[in-house]
């Protein structure tokens, strides 16, 4: 008889301990916590592109804006990704123009600069009757 009572007590204890989360939360007197998430879109200023008349002019305008810390100025001649790339590299310090390649007309032109932040490769691309910077890569010094 004592053995049956012990088995019964263990069975009741086991059933009480193994209830799933659904039955526990249903028998709970406190409400489930709620979470509210608010997302605010960042405000961005769109700067219209103003293509340069030549690839070298586009590259020069771009690197000069970077040197001056003028992000909006850089955005007038370059795509956001190119601007982000140079400004993420930090201050350029000095700029030494290493030259631009001379591909066939109306094809992208690559210009290279030496800077305190590293080597900068800037690609000028024909765009709406002029030239803009569509790519910039800064390789660590």
C-alpha atoms as a PDB file:
ATOM      1  CA  UNK A   1       0.000   0.000   0.000  1.00  0.00           C
ATOM      2  CA  UNK A   2       2.790   2.409   0.839  1.00  0.00           C
ATOM      3  CA  UNK A   3       4.408   1.543  -2.450  1.00  0.00           C
ATOM      4  CA  UNK A   4       1.211   2.451  -4.402  1.00  0.00           C
ATOM      5  CA  UNK A   5       0.990   5.737  -2.551  1.00  0.00           C
ATOM      6  CA  UNK A   6       4.609   6.542  -3.403  1.00  0.00           C
ATOM      7  CA  UNK A   7       4.050   5.739  -7.090  1.00  0.00           C
ATOM      8  CA  UNK A   8       0.915   7.882  -7.096  1.00  0.00           C
ATOM      9  CA  UNK A   9       2.749  10.866  -5.511  1.00  0.00           C
ATOM     10  CA  UNK A  10       5.615  10.563  -7.998  1.00  0.00           C
ATOM     11  CA  UNK A  11       3.210  10.367 -10.924  1.00  0.00           C
ATOM     12  CA  UNK A  12       1.349  13.480  -9.780  1.00  0.00           C
ATOM     13  CA  UNK A  13       4.641  15.320  -9.252  1.00  0.00           C
ATOM     14  CA  UNK A  14       5.902  14.263 -12.692  1.00  0.00           C
ATOM     15  CA  UNK A  15       2.710  15.378 -14.439  1.00  0.00           C
ATOM     16  CA  UNK A  16       2.768  18.703 -12.620  1.00  0.00           C
ATOM     17  CA  UNK A  17       6.425  19.370 -13.558  1.00  0.00           C
ATOM     18  CA  UNK A  18       6.169  18.354 -17.182  1.00  0.00           C
ATOM     19  CA  UNK A  19       3.358  20.638 -18.255  1.00  0.00           C
ATOM     20  CA  UNK A  20       4.117  22.560 -21.408  1.00  0.00           C
ATOM     21  CA  UNK A  21       4.414  26.347 -21.696  1.00  0.00           C
ATOM     22  CA  UNK A  22       0.898  26.646 -23.111  1.00  0.00           C
ATOM     23  CA  UNK A  23      -0.771  25.225 -20.040  1.00  0.00           C
ATOM     24  CA  UNK A  24       1.487  27.276 -17.739  1.00  0.00           C
ATOM     25  CA  UNK A  25       0.757  30.553 -19.454  1.00  0.00           C
ATOM     26  CA  UNK A  26      -2.957  29.777 -19.534  1.00  0.00           C
ATOM     27  CA  UNK A  27      -3.011  29.243 -15.776  1.00  0.00           C
ATOM     28  CA  UNK A  28      -0.849  32.297 -15.053  1.00  0.00           C
ATOM     29  CA  UNK A  29      -2.610  35.280 -13.556  1.00  0.00           C
ATOM     30  CA  UNK A  30      -0.217  37.907 -15.023  1.00  0.00           C
ATOM     31  CA  UNK A  31      -0.636  39.040 -18.627  1.00  0.00           C
ATOM     32  CA  UNK A  32       2.018  38.201 -21.188  1.00  0.00           C
ATOM     33  CA  UNK A  33       4.494  41.060 -21.754  1.00  0.00           C
ATOM     34  CA  UNK A  34       4.034  43.075 -24.930  1.00  0.00           C
ATOM     35  CA  UNK A  35       6.735  44.682 -27.041  1.00  0.00           C
ATOM     36  CA  UNK A  36       6.300  47.682 -29.293  1.00  0.00           C
ATOM     37  CA  UNK A  37       8.881  48.501 -31.949  1.00  0.00           C
ATOM     38  CA  UNK A  38       8.965  51.866 -33.638  1.00  0.00           C
ATOM     39  CA  UNK A  39      11.101  52.325 -36.710  1.00  0.00           C
ATOM     40  CA  UNK A  40      11.999  55.778 -37.900  1.00  0.00           C
ATOM     41  CA  UNK A  41      13.384  56.120 -41.389  1.00  0.00           C
ATOM     42  CA  UNK A  42      16.536  58.228 -41.475  1.00  0.00           C
ATOM     43  CA  UNK A  43      16.214  61.529 -43.251  1.00  0.00           C
ATOM     44  CA  UNK A  44      18.424  61.775 -46.286  1.00  0.00           C
ATOM     45  CA  UNK A  45      19.091  64.656 -48.537  1.00  0.00           C
ATOM     46  CA  UNK A  46      19.159  63.853 -52.207  1.00  0.00           C
ATOM     47  CA  UNK A  47      21.777  65.864 -54.000  1.00  0.00           C
ATOM     48  CA  UNK A  48      21.262  65.998 -57.761  1.00  0.00           C
ATOM     49  CA  UNK A  49      24.171  64.816 -59.854  1.00  0.00           C
ATOM     50  CA  UNK A  50      25.945  67.466 -61.890  1.00  0.00           C
ATOM     51  CA  UNK A  51      28.118  65.580 -64.389  1.00  0.00           C
ATOM     52  CA  UNK A  52      31.491  67.061 -65.315  1.00  0.00           C
ATOM     53  CA  UNK A  53      32.483  67.674 -68.913  1.00  0.00           C
ATOM     54  CA  UNK A  54      35.497  65.314 -68.762  1.00  0.00           C
ATOM     55  CA  UNK A  55      36.481  62.258 -66.702  1.00  0.00           C
ATOM     56  CA  UNK A  56      39.553  63.949 -65.183  1.00  0.00           C
ATOM     57  CA  UNK A  57      37.390  66.916 -64.155  1.00  0.00           C
ATOM     58  CA  UNK A  58      34.925  64.570 -62.431  1.00  0.00           C
ATOM     59  CA  UNK A  59      37.750  62.814 -60.571  1.00  0.00           C
ATOM     60  CA  UNK A  60      39.349  66.100 -59.516  1.00  0.00           C
ATOM     61  CA  UNK A  61      36.049  67.530 -58.249  1.00  0.00           C
ATOM     62  CA  UNK A  62      35.395  64.333 -56.316  1.00  0.00           C
ATOM     63  CA  UNK A  63      38.783  64.115 -54.575  1.00  0.00           C
ATOM     64  CA  UNK A  64      38.795  67.841 -53.820  1.00  0.00           C
ATOM     65  CA  UNK A  65      35.389  67.522 -52.140  1.00  0.00           C
ATOM     66  CA  UNK A  66      36.737  64.602 -50.094  1.00  0.00           C
ATOM     67  CA  UNK A  67      39.821  66.590 -49.096  1.00  0.00           C
ATOM     68  CA  UNK A  68      37.606  69.507 -48.016  1.00  0.00           C
ATOM     69  CA  UNK A  69      35.295  67.200 -46.037  1.00  0.00           C
ATOM     70  CA  UNK A  70      32.439  68.309 -48.302  1.00  0.00           C
ATOM     71  CA  UNK A  71      30.214  65.238 -48.517  1.00  0.00           C
ATOM     72  CA  UNK A  72      27.417  67.127 -50.302  1.00  0.00           C
ATOM     73  CA  UNK A  73      29.912  68.450 -52.837  1.00  0.00           C
ATOM     74  CA  UNK A  74      31.129  64.908 -53.490  1.00  0.00           C
ATOM     75  CA  UNK A  75      27.525  63.755 -53.924  1.00  0.00           C
ATOM     76  CA  UNK A  76      27.036  66.240 -56.789  1.00  0.00           C
ATOM     77  CA  UNK A  77      29.580  64.347 -58.875  1.00  0.00           C
ATOM     78  CA  UNK A  78      29.449  60.776 -57.502  1.00  0.00           C
ATOM     79  CA  UNK A  79      27.110  57.968 -56.538  1.00  0.00           C
ATOM     80  CA  UNK A  80      26.490  57.469 -52.825  1.00  0.00           C
ATOM     81  CA  UNK A  81      28.507  54.228 -52.660  1.00  0.00           C
ATOM     82  CA  UNK A  82      31.623  56.002 -53.968  1.00  0.00           C
ATOM     83  CA  UNK A  83      31.176  58.876 -51.515  1.00  0.00           C
ATOM     84  CA  UNK A  84      30.641  56.442 -48.640  1.00  0.00           C
ATOM     85  CA  UNK A  85      33.813  54.564 -49.571  1.00  0.00           C
ATOM     86  CA  UNK A  86      36.128  57.572 -49.412  1.00  0.00           C
ATOM     87  CA  UNK A  87      34.569  59.209 -46.372  1.00  0.00           C
ATOM     88  CA  UNK A  88      34.723  55.883 -44.490  1.00  0.00           C
ATOM     89  CA  UNK A  89      38.481  55.792 -45.153  1.00  0.00           C
ATOM     90  CA  UNK A  90      38.990  58.973 -43.129  1.00  0.00           C
ATOM     91  CA  UNK A  91      40.862  62.138 -43.965  1.00  0.00           C
ATOM     92  CA  UNK A  92      42.885  61.879 -47.171  1.00  0.00           C
ATOM     93  CA  UNK A  93      45.692  64.098 -45.835  1.00  0.00           C
ATOM     94  CA  UNK A  94      47.695  64.717 -48.964  1.00  0.00           C
ATOM     95  CA  UNK A  95      46.597  63.860 -52.508  1.00  0.00           C
ATOM     96  CA  UNK A  96      49.049  62.878 -55.191  1.00  0.00           C
ATOM     97  CA  UNK A  97      47.530  62.285 -58.624  1.00  0.00           C
ATOM     98  CA  UNK A  98      49.113  59.221 -60.245  1.00  0.00           C
ATOM     99  CA  UNK A  99      47.245  59.543 -63.534  1.00  0.00           C
ATOM    100  CA  UNK A 100      44.261  58.198 -65.449  1.00  0.00           C
ATOM    101  CA  UNK A 101      44.095  55.522 -68.115  1.00  0.00           C
ATOM    102  CA  UNK A 102      43.036  56.419 -71.658  1.00  0.00           C
ATOM    103  CA  UNK A 103      40.418  53.916 -72.829  1.00  0.00           C
ATOM    104  CA  UNK A 104      38.322  54.259 -75.990  1.00  0.00           C
ATOM    105  CA  UNK A 105      35.831  57.164 -76.026  1.00  0.00           C
ATOM    106  CA  UNK A 106      32.678  56.850 -73.912  1.00  0.00           C
ATOM    107  CA  UNK A 107      34.023  54.027 -71.743  1.00  0.00           C
ATOM    108  CA  UNK A 108      34.874  54.228 -68.031  1.00  0.00           C
ATOM    109  CA  UNK A 109      38.127  55.930 -67.044  1.00  0.00           C
ATOM    110  CA  UNK A 110      40.174  54.866 -64.017  1.00  0.00           C
ATOM    111  CA  UNK A 111      42.182  57.504 -62.113  1.00  0.00           C
ATOM    112  CA  UNK A 112      44.585  56.685 -59.280  1.00  0.00           C
ATOM    113  CA  UNK A 113      45.682  58.878 -56.362  1.00  0.00           C
ATOM    114  CA  UNK A 114      48.095  58.353 -53.496  1.00  0.00           C
ATOM    115  CA  UNK A 115      46.742  59.669 -50.191  1.00  0.00           C
ATOM    116  CA  UNK A 116      47.572  59.437 -46.496  1.00  0.00           C
ATOM    117  CA  UNK A 117      44.573  57.085 -46.167  1.00  0.00           C
ATOM    118  CA  UNK A 118      45.944  54.780 -48.885  1.00  0.00           C
ATOM    119  CA  UNK A 119      45.724  54.381 -52.641  1.00  0.00           C
ATOM    120  CA  UNK A 120      42.508  55.730 -54.108  1.00  0.00           C
ATOM    121  CA  UNK A 121      41.113  54.333 -57.353  1.00  0.00           C
ATOM    122  CA  UNK A 122      38.296  56.405 -58.827  1.00  0.00           C
ATOM    123  CA  UNK A 123      36.239  55.322 -61.821  1.00  0.00           C
ATOM    124  CA  UNK A 124      34.580  57.987 -63.967  1.00  0.00           C
ATOM    125  CA  UNK A 125      31.640  56.809 -66.049  1.00  0.00           C
ATOM    126  CA  UNK A 126      29.798  58.562 -68.906  1.00  0.00           C
ATOM    127  CA  UNK A 127      26.467  59.772 -67.526  1.00  0.00           C
ATOM    128  CA  UNK A 128      23.732  61.941 -69.078  1.00  0.00           C
ATOM    129  CA  UNK A 129      25.963  64.014 -71.319  1.00  0.00           C
ATOM    130  CA  UNK A 130      28.900  64.221 -68.914  1.00  0.00           C
ATOM    131  CA  UNK A 131      30.990  62.215 -66.472  1.00  0.00           C
ATOM    132  CA  UNK A 132      30.321  61.111 -62.899  1.00  0.00           C
ATOM    133  CA  UNK A 133      32.188  58.960 -60.386  1.00  0.00           C
ATOM    134  CA  UNK A 134      30.444  55.629 -60.019  1.00  0.00           C
ATOM    135  CA  UNK A 135      33.087  53.791 -58.010  1.00  0.00           C
ATOM    136  CA  UNK A 136      35.846  54.597 -55.532  1.00  0.00           C
ATOM    137  CA  UNK A 137      38.144  52.170 -53.720  1.00  0.00           C
ATOM    138  CA  UNK A 138      40.596  53.143 -51.004  1.00  0.00           C
ATOM    139  CA  UNK A 139      43.251  50.512 -50.342  1.00  0.00           C
ATOM    140  CA  UNK A 140      44.875  50.784 -46.915  1.00  0.00           C
ATOM    141  CA  UNK A 141      48.210  52.588 -46.782  1.00  0.00           C
END
